C-alpha atoms as a PDB file:
ATOM      1  CA  MET A   1       0.000   0.000   0.000  1.00  0.00           C
ATOM      2  CA  MET A   2       2.793   2.442   0.897  1.00  0.00           C
ATOM      3  CA  ARG A   3       4.644   1.750  -2.361  1.00  0.00           C
ATOM      4  CA  GLU A   4       1.474   2.378  -4.363  1.00  0.00           C
ATOM      5  CA  LEU A   5       0.686   5.516  -2.365  1.00  0.00           C
ATOM      6  CA  GLY A   6       4.134   6.908  -3.103  1.00  0.00           C
ATOM      7  CA  GLU A   7       3.533   6.460  -6.824  1.00  0.00           C
ATOM      8  CA  VAL A   8       0.112   8.149  -6.652  1.00  0.00           C
ATOM      9  CA  LEU A   9       1.543  11.142  -4.789  1.00  0.00           C
ATOM     10  CA  LYS A  10       4.006  11.781  -7.627  1.00  0.00           C
ATOM     11  CA  THR A  11       1.163  13.374  -9.587  1.00  0.00           C
ATOM     12  CA  TRP A  12      -1.329  14.218  -6.823  1.00  0.00           C
ATOM     13  CA  GLN A  13      -2.346  17.900  -7.176  1.00  0.00           C
ATOM     14  CA  GLY A  14       0.513  18.447  -9.617  1.00  0.00           C
ATOM     15  CA  THR A  15       0.236  19.939 -13.097  1.00  0.00           C
ATOM     16  CA  GLU A  16       2.254  19.730 -16.293  1.00  0.00           C
ATOM     17  CA  ASP A  17       3.743  23.156 -15.539  1.00  0.00           C
ATOM     18  CA  VAL A  18       4.216  22.590 -11.803  1.00  0.00           C
ATOM     19  CA  PRO A  19       5.080  18.936 -11.099  1.00  0.00           C
ATOM     20  CA  VAL A  20       5.115  17.471  -7.599  1.00  0.00           C
ATOM     21  CA  ALA A  21       8.622  17.755  -6.114  1.00  0.00           C
ATOM     22  CA  PHE A  22       8.209  15.536  -3.047  1.00  0.00           C
ATOM     23  CA  SER A  23       5.813  14.094  -0.493  1.00  0.00           C
ATOM     24  CA  THR A  24       6.220  14.108   3.288  1.00  0.00           C
ATOM     25  CA  LEU A  25       5.449  11.576   5.984  1.00  0.00           C
ATOM     26  CA  TYR A  26       5.785  11.690   9.785  1.00  0.00           C
ATOM     27  CA  SER A  27       6.543   8.254  11.186  1.00  0.00           C
ATOM     28  CA  ASP A  28       5.576   7.199  14.703  1.00  0.00           C
ATOM     29  CA  ILE A  29       7.224   3.785  14.340  1.00  0.00           C
ATOM     30  CA  GLY A  30      10.820   4.878  13.929  1.00  0.00           C
ATOM     31  CA  LYS A  31      12.930   5.350  10.803  1.00  0.00           C
ATOM     32  CA  GLN A  32      13.425   1.932   9.214  1.00  0.00           C
ATOM     33  CA  PHE A  33      10.008   0.881   7.884  1.00  0.00           C
ATOM     34  CA  TYR A  34       9.170   3.943   5.809  1.00  0.00           C
ATOM     35  CA  THR A  35      12.785   4.380   4.687  1.00  0.00           C
ATOM     36  CA  ALA A  36      12.518   0.940   3.088  1.00  0.00           C
ATOM     37  CA  HIS A  37       9.513   2.235   1.141  1.00  0.00           C
ATOM     38  CA  GLY A  38      11.123   5.418  -0.134  1.00  0.00           C
ATOM     39  CA  TRP A  39      10.570   8.076   2.541  1.00  0.00           C
ATOM     40  CA  HIS A  40      13.991   9.156   3.807  1.00  0.00           C
ATOM     41  CA  PRO A  41      14.213  10.444   7.418  1.00  0.00           C
ATOM     42  CA  PHE A  42      15.342  14.018   8.055  1.00  0.00           C
ATOM     43  CA  PRO A  43      16.460  15.650  11.325  1.00  0.00           C
ATOM     44  CA  SER A  44      13.686  15.306  13.914  1.00  0.00           C
ATOM     45  CA  THR A  45      14.677  17.231  17.019  1.00  0.00           C
ATOM     46  CA  HIS A  46      13.064  19.698  19.378  1.00  0.00           C
ATOM     47  CA  VAL A  47      13.804  21.984  22.275  1.00  0.00           C
ATOM     48  CA  GLU A  48      11.503  21.517  25.258  1.00  0.00           C
ATOM     49  CA  PHE A  49      10.653  24.227  27.802  1.00  0.00           C
ATOM     50  CA  PRO A  50       8.594  23.596  30.950  1.00  0.00           C
ATOM     51  CA  ALA A  51       5.312  25.424  31.450  1.00  0.00           C
ATOM     52  CA  ALA A  52       5.597  28.622  33.484  1.00  0.00           C
ATOM     53  CA  CYS A  53       5.669  28.279  37.256  1.00  0.00           C
ATOM     54  CA  GLU A  54       3.900  31.594  37.830  1.00  0.00           C
ATOM     55  CA  ASN A  55       1.635  33.964  35.932  1.00  0.00           C
ATOM     56  CA  ALA A  56       4.022  36.920  35.506  1.00  0.00           C
ATOM     57  CA  PRO A  57       3.525  39.774  32.969  1.00  0.00           C
ATOM     58  CA  ILE A  58       5.370  39.209  29.677  1.00  0.00           C
ATOM     59  CA  PRO A  59       6.670  42.024  27.380  1.00  0.00           C
ATOM     60  CA  ALA A  60       5.236  40.486  24.213  1.00  0.00           C
ATOM     61  CA  LYS A  61       2.211  41.270  22.053  1.00  0.00           C
ATOM     62  CA  THR A  62      -0.257  38.408  21.958  1.00  0.00           C
ATOM     63  CA  LEU A  63      -1.362  37.263  18.511  1.00  0.00           C
ATOM     64  CA  THR A  64      -4.998  36.561  17.735  1.00  0.00           C
ATOM     65  CA  GLU A  65      -6.862  35.301  14.675  1.00  0.00           C
ATOM     66  CA  GLU A  66      -6.830  38.748  13.036  1.00  0.00           C
ATOM     67  CA  ASP A  67      -3.007  38.895  13.045  1.00  0.00           C
ATOM     68  CA  LEU A  68      -2.202  35.602  11.392  1.00  0.00           C
ATOM     69  CA  ALA A  69      -3.074  35.955   7.700  1.00  0.00           C
ATOM     70  CA  THR A  70      -0.713  38.881   7.156  1.00  0.00           C
ATOM     71  CA  LEU A  71       2.079  37.267   9.172  1.00  0.00           C
ATOM     72  CA  CYS A  72       1.768  33.990   7.266  1.00  0.00           C
ATOM     73  CA  GLN A  73       1.934  35.792   3.938  1.00  0.00           C
ATOM     74  CA  GLU A  74       5.016  37.762   5.008  1.00  0.00           C
ATOM     75  CA  ASP A  75       6.619  34.596   6.347  1.00  0.00           C
ATOM     76  CA  GLU A  76       6.064  32.728   3.088  1.00  0.00           C
ATOM     77  CA  GLU A  77       7.676  35.555   1.110  1.00  0.00           C
ATOM     78  CA  MET A  78      10.695  35.586   3.432  1.00  0.00           C
ATOM     79  CA  ILE A  79      11.168  31.819   3.028  1.00  0.00           C
ATOM     80  CA  LYS A  80      10.970  32.077  -0.778  1.00  0.00           C
ATOM     81  CA  LYS A  81      13.586  34.827  -0.713  1.00  0.00           C
ATOM     82  CA  SER A  82      15.930  32.789   1.493  1.00  0.00           C
ATOM     83  CA  LEU A  83      15.579  29.749  -0.797  1.00  0.00           C
ATOM     84  CA  LEU A  84      16.541  31.825  -3.819  1.00  0.00           C
ATOM     85  CA  GLN A  85      19.608  33.185  -2.011  1.00  0.00           C
ATOM     86  CA  ALA A  86      20.946  29.804  -0.868  1.00  0.00           C
ATOM     87  CA  LYS A  87      24.564  29.324  -1.952  1.00  0.00           C
ATOM     88  CA  HIS A  88      25.427  25.755  -0.974  1.00  0.00           C
ATOM     89  CA  GLY A  89      25.239  22.927  -3.487  1.00  0.00           C
ATOM     90  CA  LYS A  90      22.174  21.194  -2.024  1.00  0.00           C
ATOM     91  CA  THR A  91      18.584  21.422  -3.235  1.00  0.00           C
ATOM     92  CA  TYR A  92      16.574  23.512  -0.768  1.00  0.00           C
ATOM     93  CA  VAL A  93      12.901  22.730  -0.177  1.00  0.00           C
ATOM     94  CA  ALA A  94      10.238  24.035   2.185  1.00  0.00           C
ATOM     95  CA  ILE A  95       6.542  23.649   2.941  1.00  0.00           C
ATOM     96  CA  ALA A  96       4.738  26.990   2.771  1.00  0.00           C
ATOM     97  CA  PRO A  97       3.664  28.081   6.292  1.00  0.00           C
ATOM     98  CA  ASP A  98       0.345  29.356   4.931  1.00  0.00           C
ATOM     99  CA  MET A  99      -2.987  29.821   6.683  1.00  0.00           C
ATOM    100  CA  ALA A 100      -4.255  26.477   5.381  1.00  0.00           C
ATOM    101  CA  HIS A 101      -1.620  24.675   7.483  1.00  0.00           C
ATOM    102  CA  ILE A 102      -2.152  26.891  10.524  1.00  0.00           C
ATOM    103  CA  GLU A 103      -5.934  26.498  10.396  1.00  0.00           C
ATOM    104  CA  TRP A 104      -5.677  22.699  10.164  1.00  0.00           C
ATOM    105  CA  HIS A 105      -3.935  22.750  13.523  1.00  0.00           C
ATOM    106  CA  ARG A 106      -6.468  25.281  14.817  1.00  0.00           C
ATOM    107  CA  ALA A 107      -9.398  23.001  13.950  1.00  0.00           C
ATOM    108  CA  ARG A 108      -7.778  20.211  15.923  1.00  0.00           C
ATOM    109  CA  GLU A 109      -7.110  22.553  18.839  1.00  0.00           C
ATOM    110  CA  ILE A 110     -10.709  23.807  18.873  1.00  0.00           C
ATOM    111  CA  PHE A 111     -12.063  20.270  19.007  1.00  0.00           C
ATOM    112  CA  LEU A 112      -9.780  19.282  21.888  1.00  0.00           C
ATOM    113  CA  THR A 113     -10.145  22.399  24.032  1.00  0.00           C
ATOM    114  CA  GLU A 114     -13.924  22.508  23.666  1.00  0.00           C
ATOM    115  CA  LYS A 115     -14.142  18.903  24.855  1.00  0.00           C
ATOM    116  CA  LEU A 116     -11.675  19.360  27.741  1.00  0.00           C
ATOM    117  CA  PHE A 117     -12.376  22.913  28.941  1.00  0.00           C
ATOM    118  CA  GLY A 118     -15.683  23.967  27.394  1.00  0.00           C
ATOM    119  CA  LYS A 119     -13.974  26.981  25.807  1.00  0.00           C
ATOM    120  CA  VAL A 120     -11.506  27.840  23.048  1.00  0.00           C
ATOM    121  CA  PRO A 121      -8.230  29.797  23.464  1.00  0.00           C
ATOM    122  CA  ASP A 122      -7.988  33.185  21.754  1.00  0.00           C
ATOM    123  CA  VAL A 123      -4.210  33.633  21.999  1.00  0.00           C
ATOM    124  CA  ARG A 124      -2.567  32.098  18.932  1.00  0.00           C
ATOM    125  CA  GLY A 125       1.009  33.272  19.467  1.00  0.00           C
ATOM    126  CA  ALA A 126       3.265  36.144  20.524  1.00  0.00           C
ATOM    127  CA  LEU A 127       5.339  38.864  18.824  1.00  0.00           C
ATOM    128  CA  VAL A 128       8.115  41.222  19.934  1.00  0.00           C
ATOM    129  CA  GLY A 129       9.884  44.012  18.041  1.00  0.00           C
ATOM    130  CA  GLU A 130       9.484  46.279  15.048  1.00  0.00           C
ATOM    131  CA  PRO A 131       8.984  45.214  11.387  1.00  0.00           C
ATOM    132  CA  GLY A 132      12.209  43.933   9.927  1.00  0.00           C
ATOM    133  CA  SER A 133      13.589  42.688  13.239  1.00  0.00           C
ATOM    134  CA  ARG A 134      10.557  41.079  14.861  1.00  0.00           C
ATOM    135  CA  VAL A 135      10.572  37.713  16.592  1.00  0.00           C
ATOM    136  CA  TRP A 136       7.240  35.924  16.620  1.00  0.00           C
ATOM    137  CA  ALA A 137       5.679  32.513  17.065  1.00  0.00           C
ATOM    138  CA  ILE A 138       2.371  30.856  16.227  1.00  0.00           C
ATOM    139  CA  TRP A 139       1.384  27.924  18.436  1.00  0.00           C
ATOM    140  CA  THR A 140      -1.245  25.299  19.121  1.00  0.00           C
ATOM    141  CA  ARG A 141      -2.208  23.161  22.104  1.00  0.00           C
ATOM    142  CA  SER A 142      -2.190  19.364  21.881  1.00  0.00           C
ATOM    143  CA  TYR A 143      -3.580  16.895  24.423  1.00  0.00           C
ATOM    144  CA  TYR A 144      -2.756  13.212  24.686  1.00  0.00           C
ATOM    145  CA  GLY A 145      -4.422  12.288  27.967  1.00  0.00           C
ATOM    146  CA  PRO A 146      -6.044  13.673  31.157  1.00  0.00           C
ATOM    147  CA  VAL A 147      -5.037  17.301  31.766  1.00  0.00           C
ATOM    148  CA  GLU A 148      -4.378  16.691  35.467  1.00  0.00           C
ATOM    149  CA  ASP A 149      -2.100  13.706  34.862  1.00  0.00           C
ATOM    150  CA  LYS A 150       1.453  15.055  35.121  1.00  0.00           C
ATOM    151  CA  LYS A 151       2.823  11.955  33.402  1.00  0.00           C
ATOM    152  CA  VAL A 152       0.983  12.765  30.156  1.00  0.00           C
ATOM    153  CA  ALA A 153       2.954  14.948  27.751  1.00  0.00           C
ATOM    154  CA  ASN A 154       0.211  17.444  26.928  1.00  0.00           C
ATOM    155  CA  THR A 155       2.064  20.070  24.909  1.00  0.00           C
ATOM    156  CA  LEU A 156       1.941  23.602  23.601  1.00  0.00           C
ATOM    157  CA  HIS A 157       3.590  23.238  20.187  1.00  0.00           C
ATOM    158  CA  ILE A 158       5.228  26.232  18.565  1.00  0.00           C
ATOM    159  CA  LEU A 159       4.058  25.671  15.010  1.00  0.00           C
ATOM    160  CA  ARG A 160       6.338  28.305  13.506  1.00  0.00           C
ATOM    161  CA  LEU A 161       9.051  30.533  14.976  1.00  0.00           C
ATOM    162  CA  VAL A 162      10.162  33.524  12.904  1.00  0.00           C
ATOM    163  CA  ILE A 163      13.235  35.682  13.451  1.00  0.00           C
ATOM    164  CA  GLU A 164      12.885  38.280  10.729  1.00  0.00           C
ATOM    165  CA  ASP A 165      16.525  39.377  10.651  1.00  0.00           C
ATOM    166  CA  GLU A 166      17.878  35.838  10.716  1.00  0.00           C
ATOM    167  CA  GLU A 167      20.385  35.371   7.926  1.00  0.00           C
ATOM    168  CA  PRO A 168      20.266  32.025   6.086  1.00  0.00           C
ATOM    169  CA  GLU A 169      23.013  29.757   7.430  1.00  0.00           C
ATOM    170  CA  SER A 170      23.966  28.895   3.870  1.00  0.00           C
ATOM    171  CA  GLN A 171      25.259  32.480   3.518  1.00  0.00           C
ATOM    172  CA  LEU A 172      27.293  32.587   6.747  1.00  0.00           C
ATOM    173  CA  SER A 173      30.718  31.048   7.034  1.00  0.00           C
ATOM    174  CA  GLY A 174      33.669  31.524   9.349  1.00  0.00           C
ATOM    175  CA  ALA A 175      37.221  30.247   9.224  1.00  0.00           C
ATOM    176  CA  ASN A 176      36.109  26.680   9.948  1.00  0.00           C
ATOM    177  CA  GLY A 177      33.056  26.791   7.718  1.00  0.00           C
ATOM    178  CA  GLU A 178      30.748  27.436  10.692  1.00  0.00           C
ATOM    179  CA  ALA A 179      28.082  30.140  10.751  1.00  0.00           C
ATOM    180  CA  VAL A 180      29.224  33.427  12.283  1.00  0.00           C
ATOM    181  CA  TYR A 181      26.743  35.883  13.799  1.00  0.00           C
ATOM    182  CA  ASP A 182      26.919  39.532  14.829  1.00  0.00           C
ATOM    183  CA  GLU A 183      27.163  39.770  18.643  1.00  0.00           C
ATOM    184  CA  GLU A 184      24.943  42.833  19.115  1.00  0.00           C
ATOM    185  CA  ARG A 185      22.285  41.378  16.871  1.00  0.00           C
ATOM    186  CA  LEU A 186      22.427  38.127  18.848  1.00  0.00           C
ATOM    187  CA  ARG A 187      21.856  40.013  22.105  1.00  0.00           C
ATOM    188  CA  LYS A 188      18.760  41.785  20.771  1.00  0.00           C
ATOM    189  CA  GLN A 189      17.372  38.625  19.168  1.00  0.00           C
ATOM    190  CA  ALA A 190      17.862  36.716  22.428  1.00  0.00           C
ATOM    191  CA  GLU A 191      15.893  39.326  24.387  1.00  0.00           C
ATOM    192  CA  LYS A 192      12.988  39.065  21.962  1.00  0.00           C
ATOM    193  CA  LEU A 193      13.067  35.281  21.830  1.00  0.00           C
ATOM    194  CA  LYS A 194      13.039  35.122  25.621  1.00  0.00           C
ATOM    195  CA  ALA A 195       9.820  37.154  25.760  1.00  0.00           C
ATOM    196  CA  VAL A 196       8.183  34.959  23.114  1.00  0.00           C
ATOM    197  CA  VAL A 197       9.177  31.744  24.906  1.00  0.00           C
ATOM    198  CA  GLN A 198       7.929  33.121  28.225  1.00  0.00           C
ATOM    199  CA  ALA A 199       4.597  33.993  26.603  1.00  0.00           C
ATOM    200  CA  ALA A 200       4.338  30.418  25.326  1.00  0.00           C
ATOM    201  CA  GLN A 201       5.200  29.046  28.777  1.00  0.00           C
ATOM    202  CA  LYS A 202       2.499  31.223  30.314  1.00  0.00           C
ATOM    203  CA  GLU A 203      -0.100  29.920  27.849  1.00  0.00           C
ATOM    204  CA  ALA A 204       1.029  26.352  28.488  1.00  0.00           C
ATOM    205  CA  ARG A 205       0.456  26.848  32.221  1.00  0.00           C
ATOM    206  CA  GLU A 206      -2.987  28.388  31.707  1.00  0.00           C
ATOM    207  CA  TRP A 207      -4.125  25.601  29.370  1.00  0.00           C
ATOM    208  CA  LYS A 208      -2.731  22.707  31.418  1.00  0.00           C
ATOM    209  CA  ALA A 209       0.055  21.781  29.005  1.00  0.00           C
ATOM    210  CA  ARG A 210       3.110  20.267  30.661  1.00  0.00           C
ATOM    211  CA  HIS A 211       5.668  21.844  28.380  1.00  0.00           C
ATOM    212  CA  VAL A 212       6.402  23.857  25.218  1.00  0.00           C
ATOM    213  CA  GLU A 213       8.063  22.268  22.174  1.00  0.00           C
ATOM    214  CA  LEU A 214      10.002  24.003  19.394  1.00  0.00           C
ATOM    215  CA  TRP A 215      10.843  21.685  16.498  1.00  0.00           C
ATOM    216  CA  ASN A 216      14.142  21.587  14.598  1.00  0.00           C
ATOM    217  CA  PRO A 217      15.646  24.905  15.727  1.00  0.00           C
ATOM    218  CA  SER A 218      18.189  26.465  13.381  1.00  0.00           C
ATOM    219  CA  GLY A 219      21.804  27.002  14.383  1.00  0.00           C
ATOM    220  CA  LEU A 220      20.979  30.592  15.276  1.00  0.00           C
ATOM    221  CA  VAL A 221      17.981  29.632  17.406  1.00  0.00           C
ATOM    222  CA  LYS A 222      20.082  27.058  19.269  1.00  0.00           C
ATOM    223  CA  GLN A 223      22.579  29.801  20.115  1.00  0.00           C
ATOM    224  CA  LEU A 224      19.820  32.127  21.282  1.00  0.00           C
ATOM    225  CA  VAL A 225      18.218  29.428  23.446  1.00  0.00           C
ATOM    226  CA  GLN A 226      21.533  29.039  25.280  1.00  0.00           C
ATOM    227  CA  ARG A 227      21.557  32.784  25.976  1.00  0.00           C
ATOM    228  CA  ILE A 228      18.036  33.355  27.286  1.00  0.00           C
ATOM    229  CA  GLY A 229      18.548  31.603  30.609  1.00  0.00           C
ATOM    230  CA  ILE A 230      15.336  29.558  30.522  1.00  0.00           C
ATOM    231  CA  GLU A 231      15.381  25.926  31.633  1.00  0.00           C
ATOM    232  CA  HIS A 232      15.197  23.643  28.611  1.00  0.00           C
ATOM    233  CA  SER A 233      16.220  20.285  27.210  1.00  0.00           C
ATOM    234  CA  GLU A 234      17.217  19.220  23.704  1.00  0.00           C
ATOM    235  CA  VAL A 235      15.575  16.072  22.332  1.00  0.00           C
ATOM    236  CA  GLU A 236      16.437  13.993  19.276  1.00  0.00           C
ATOM    237  CA  ARG A 237      13.404  11.920  18.364  1.00  0.00           C
ATOM    238  CA  GLU A 238      14.142   8.337  17.319  1.00  0.00           C
ATOM    239  CA  LYS A 239      10.607   6.948  17.085  1.00  0.00           C
ATOM    240  CA  GLU A 240       7.804   9.535  17.131  1.00  0.00           C
ATOM    241  CA  SER A 241       7.136  12.204  14.503  1.00  0.00           C
ATOM    242  CA  ILE A 242      10.129  11.334  12.331  1.00  0.00           C
ATOM    243  CA  ALA A 243       9.995  13.844   9.462  1.00  0.00           C
ATOM    244  CA  SER A 244      10.532  12.053   6.148  1.00  0.00           C
ATOM    245  CA  ILE A 245      10.574  12.963   2.455  1.00  0.00           C
ATOM    246  CA  MET A 246       9.957  10.925  -0.691  1.00  0.00           C
ATOM    247  CA  TRP A 247      11.788  12.820  -3.428  1.00  0.00           C
ATOM    248  CA  TYR A 248      10.515  12.799  -7.018  1.00  0.00           C
ATOM    249  CA  GLY A 249      13.313  14.768  -8.671  1.00  0.00           C
ATOM    250  CA  ALA A 250      16.846  13.864  -9.667  1.00  0.00           C
ATOM    251  CA  GLY A 251      19.163  12.290  -7.117  1.00  0.00           C
ATOM    252  CA  THR A 252      18.557  10.155  -4.055  1.00  0.00           C
ATOM    253  CA  GLY A 253      16.473  12.601  -2.055  1.00  0.00           C
ATOM    254  CA  LYS A 254      18.549  11.965   1.079  1.00  0.00           C
ATOM    255  CA  THR A 255      19.835  14.559   3.523  1.00  0.00           C
ATOM    256  CA  ASP A 256      23.218  14.851   1.838  1.00  0.00           C
ATOM    257  CA  GLU A 257      21.452  16.249  -1.254  1.00  0.00           C
ATOM    258  CA  ILE A 258      18.262  17.868   0.107  1.00  0.00           C
ATOM    259  CA  GLU A 259      17.993  20.618   2.731  1.00  0.00           C
ATOM    260  CA  TRP A 260      14.518  20.796   4.306  1.00  0.00           C
ATOM    261  CA  VAL A 261      14.189  24.455   5.326  1.00  0.00           C
ATOM    262  CA  LYS A 262      11.923  25.390   8.264  1.00  0.00           C
ATOM    263  CA  ASN A 263      11.076  21.789   9.065  1.00  0.00           C
ATOM    264  CA  GLU A 264       8.836  22.833  11.948  1.00  0.00           C
ATOM    265  CA  LYS A 265       5.617  21.586  13.507  1.00  0.00           C
ATOM    266  CA  TYR A 266       3.284  23.493  11.140  1.00  0.00           C
ATOM    267  CA  GLY A 267       4.110  20.977   8.374  1.00  0.00           C
ATOM    268  CA  TRP A 268       2.890  18.043  10.482  1.00  0.00           C
ATOM    269  CA  CYS A 269      -0.704  17.467   9.431  1.00  0.00           C
END
């Protein structure tokens, strides 16, 4: 069935002018089974923050439904621009973080929160800064068991984290080939990210989520997380939600040839 599905997806929703480039799959049974059927695993990591311990004021603007369409459109344009500017020899691909993806997660969230709490959350994310250097996140709440059971990993997922003045890592290189960042810019970005993470932690506490998850942080985001002074852990997933691609173009479609840009939670649906 999986082999036949892979063949069908080669042309599903494609056209003669715009062929299908790849299909995605998120495995919850590890990496081996689907790899054998053509879906190659890509990095599947996340940073995990605990829910807030107290309900302190946060210096971040809360995002509601009215804010998201414009932000998603701007985000998509920024990703397209970064793909066009990539300099390394790999093929760069991304899933558009459009409203269709965000609203799929929202529908799921509405169903769960109405059943569990009898109400629906209005806060959809948080934003800090001025246009051109803003840091913002859109999130959703996911529940996997009783909200009072501390052993259940009910989670506030950051669907998409945006750092507007983040330079693509493919354009940054130091003496050893590693990305090099401007120190003053790092300091300002860290301050903004801290406020956004704290806003997410606060929402997690209010909606009985045990922790906050941020999927596949970039090299820059990893540096900033180390600077913000918030308790966290880094997780490399080996079984659940393994992001995988079946590639329909030239080459093998493996990670040494394909770079999956912004491989974040919004694409999981």
